């Protein structure tokens, strides 16, 4: 996966778990780490297909196929 910054506003659940951060664009590795750490706050039933695909790409690239959720 390229290291293109992720626009948090394209991904509603990511936007919600970034409640304590002000930046609009985040590094992919940071997004992956925050998905892992804050997974309990992600409403999986509300994930849109585009965000599901993002999570899968992040999981493959930064989690080597795994996501260790807290």
C-alpha atoms as a PDB file:
ATOM      1  CA  UNK A   1       0.000   0.000   0.000  1.00  0.00           C
ATOM      2  CA  UNK A   2       1.323   3.431  -0.884  1.00  0.00           C
ATOM      3  CA  UNK A   3       2.058   5.883   1.883  1.00  0.00           C
ATOM      4  CA  UNK A   4      -0.587   8.332   0.739  1.00  0.00           C
ATOM      5  CA  UNK A   5      -2.175  10.168   3.621  1.00  0.00           C
ATOM      6  CA  UNK A   6      -5.722   9.137   4.505  1.00  0.00           C
ATOM      7  CA  UNK A   7      -8.449  11.748   4.583  1.00  0.00           C
ATOM      8  CA  UNK A   8     -10.331  10.943   7.764  1.00  0.00           C
ATOM      9  CA  UNK A   9     -13.529  12.550   6.460  1.00  0.00           C
ATOM     10  CA  UNK A  10     -13.880   9.850   3.768  1.00  0.00           C
ATOM     11  CA  UNK A  11     -14.215   7.175   6.457  1.00  0.00           C
ATOM     12  CA  UNK A  12     -16.939   7.872   9.039  1.00  0.00           C
ATOM     13  CA  UNK A  13     -15.819   5.374  11.677  1.00  0.00           C
ATOM     14  CA  UNK A  14     -12.178   6.428  11.384  1.00  0.00           C
ATOM     15  CA  UNK A  15     -13.290  10.019  11.774  1.00  0.00           C
ATOM     16  CA  UNK A  16     -15.131   9.100  14.973  1.00  0.00           C
ATOM     17  CA  UNK A  17     -12.189   7.286  16.557  1.00  0.00           C
ATOM     18  CA  UNK A  18      -9.945  10.255  15.852  1.00  0.00           C
ATOM     19  CA  UNK A  19     -11.919  12.342  18.355  1.00  0.00           C
ATOM     20  CA  UNK A  20      -8.778  13.636  20.040  1.00  0.00           C
ATOM     21  CA  UNK A  21      -6.847  14.574  16.905  1.00  0.00           C
ATOM     22  CA  UNK A  22      -7.259  17.731  14.846  1.00  0.00           C
ATOM     23  CA  UNK A  23      -5.553  16.829  11.575  1.00  0.00           C
ATOM     24  CA  UNK A  24      -7.630  16.023   8.503  1.00  0.00           C
ATOM     25  CA  UNK A  25      -5.042  13.694   6.960  1.00  0.00           C
ATOM     26  CA  UNK A  26      -3.348  10.838   8.836  1.00  0.00           C
ATOM     27  CA  UNK A  27      -0.531   8.480   7.956  1.00  0.00           C
ATOM     28  CA  UNK A  28      -1.752   4.966   7.083  1.00  0.00           C
ATOM     29  CA  UNK A  29       0.315   3.335   9.840  1.00  0.00           C
ATOM     30  CA  UNK A  30      -1.204   5.721  12.390  1.00  0.00           C
ATOM     31  CA  UNK A  31      -4.712   4.963  11.116  1.00  0.00           C
ATOM     32  CA  UNK A  32      -4.038   1.230  11.456  1.00  0.00           C
ATOM     33  CA  UNK A  33      -2.692   1.602  14.996  1.00  0.00           C
ATOM     34  CA  UNK A  34      -5.706   3.659  16.029  1.00  0.00           C
ATOM     35  CA  UNK A  35      -8.137   1.177  14.459  1.00  0.00           C
ATOM     36  CA  UNK A  36      -6.444  -1.534  16.535  1.00  0.00           C
ATOM     37  CA  UNK A  37      -6.351   0.445  19.765  1.00  0.00           C
ATOM     38  CA  UNK A  38      -9.872   1.856  19.469  1.00  0.00           C
ATOM     39  CA  UNK A  39     -11.645  -1.008  17.709  1.00  0.00           C
ATOM     40  CA  UNK A  40     -14.157  -1.314  20.551  1.00  0.00           C
ATOM     41  CA  UNK A  41     -15.464   2.131  19.534  1.00  0.00           C
ATOM     42  CA  UNK A  42     -15.919   1.178  15.856  1.00  0.00           C
ATOM     43  CA  UNK A  43     -19.526   0.387  14.979  1.00  0.00           C
ATOM     44  CA  UNK A  44     -18.870  -2.517  12.624  1.00  0.00           C
ATOM     45  CA  UNK A  45     -22.484  -2.534  11.452  1.00  0.00           C
ATOM     46  CA  UNK A  46     -22.045   1.014  10.136  1.00  0.00           C
ATOM     47  CA  UNK A  47     -18.813   0.415   8.235  1.00  0.00           C
ATOM     48  CA  UNK A  48     -19.233   1.329   4.589  1.00  0.00           C
ATOM     49  CA  UNK A  49     -17.658  -0.874   1.941  1.00  0.00           C
ATOM     50  CA  UNK A  50     -14.938   1.683   1.171  1.00  0.00           C
ATOM     51  CA  UNK A  51     -13.892   1.787   4.822  1.00  0.00           C
ATOM     52  CA  UNK A  52     -13.941  -2.014   5.072  1.00  0.00           C
ATOM     53  CA  UNK A  53     -11.573  -2.142   2.095  1.00  0.00           C
ATOM     54  CA  UNK A  54      -9.308   0.443   3.726  1.00  0.00           C
ATOM     55  CA  UNK A  55      -9.143  -1.630   6.915  1.00  0.00           C
ATOM     56  CA  UNK A  56      -8.314  -4.770   4.929  1.00  0.00           C
ATOM     57  CA  UNK A  57      -5.491  -2.965   3.094  1.00  0.00           C
ATOM     58  CA  UNK A  58      -4.119  -1.541   6.329  1.00  0.00           C
ATOM     59  CA  UNK A  59      -4.358  -4.950   7.997  1.00  0.00           C
ATOM     60  CA  UNK A  60      -2.480  -6.596   5.144  1.00  0.00           C
ATOM     61  CA  UNK A  61       0.226  -3.929   4.963  1.00  0.00           C
ATOM     62  CA  UNK A  62       0.792  -2.944   8.574  1.00  0.00           C
ATOM     63  CA  UNK A  63      -0.587  -5.946  10.443  1.00  0.00           C
ATOM     64  CA  UNK A  64       0.804  -8.615   8.126  1.00  0.00           C
ATOM     65  CA  UNK A  65      -2.727  -9.967   7.752  1.00  0.00           C
ATOM     66  CA  UNK A  66      -3.677  -9.581  11.404  1.00  0.00           C
ATOM     67  CA  UNK A  67      -5.325  -6.942  13.522  1.00  0.00           C
ATOM     68  CA  UNK A  68      -4.800  -7.151  17.268  1.00  0.00           C
ATOM     69  CA  UNK A  69      -7.799  -5.335  18.648  1.00  0.00           C
ATOM     70  CA  UNK A  70      -7.942  -4.135  22.217  1.00  0.00           C
END
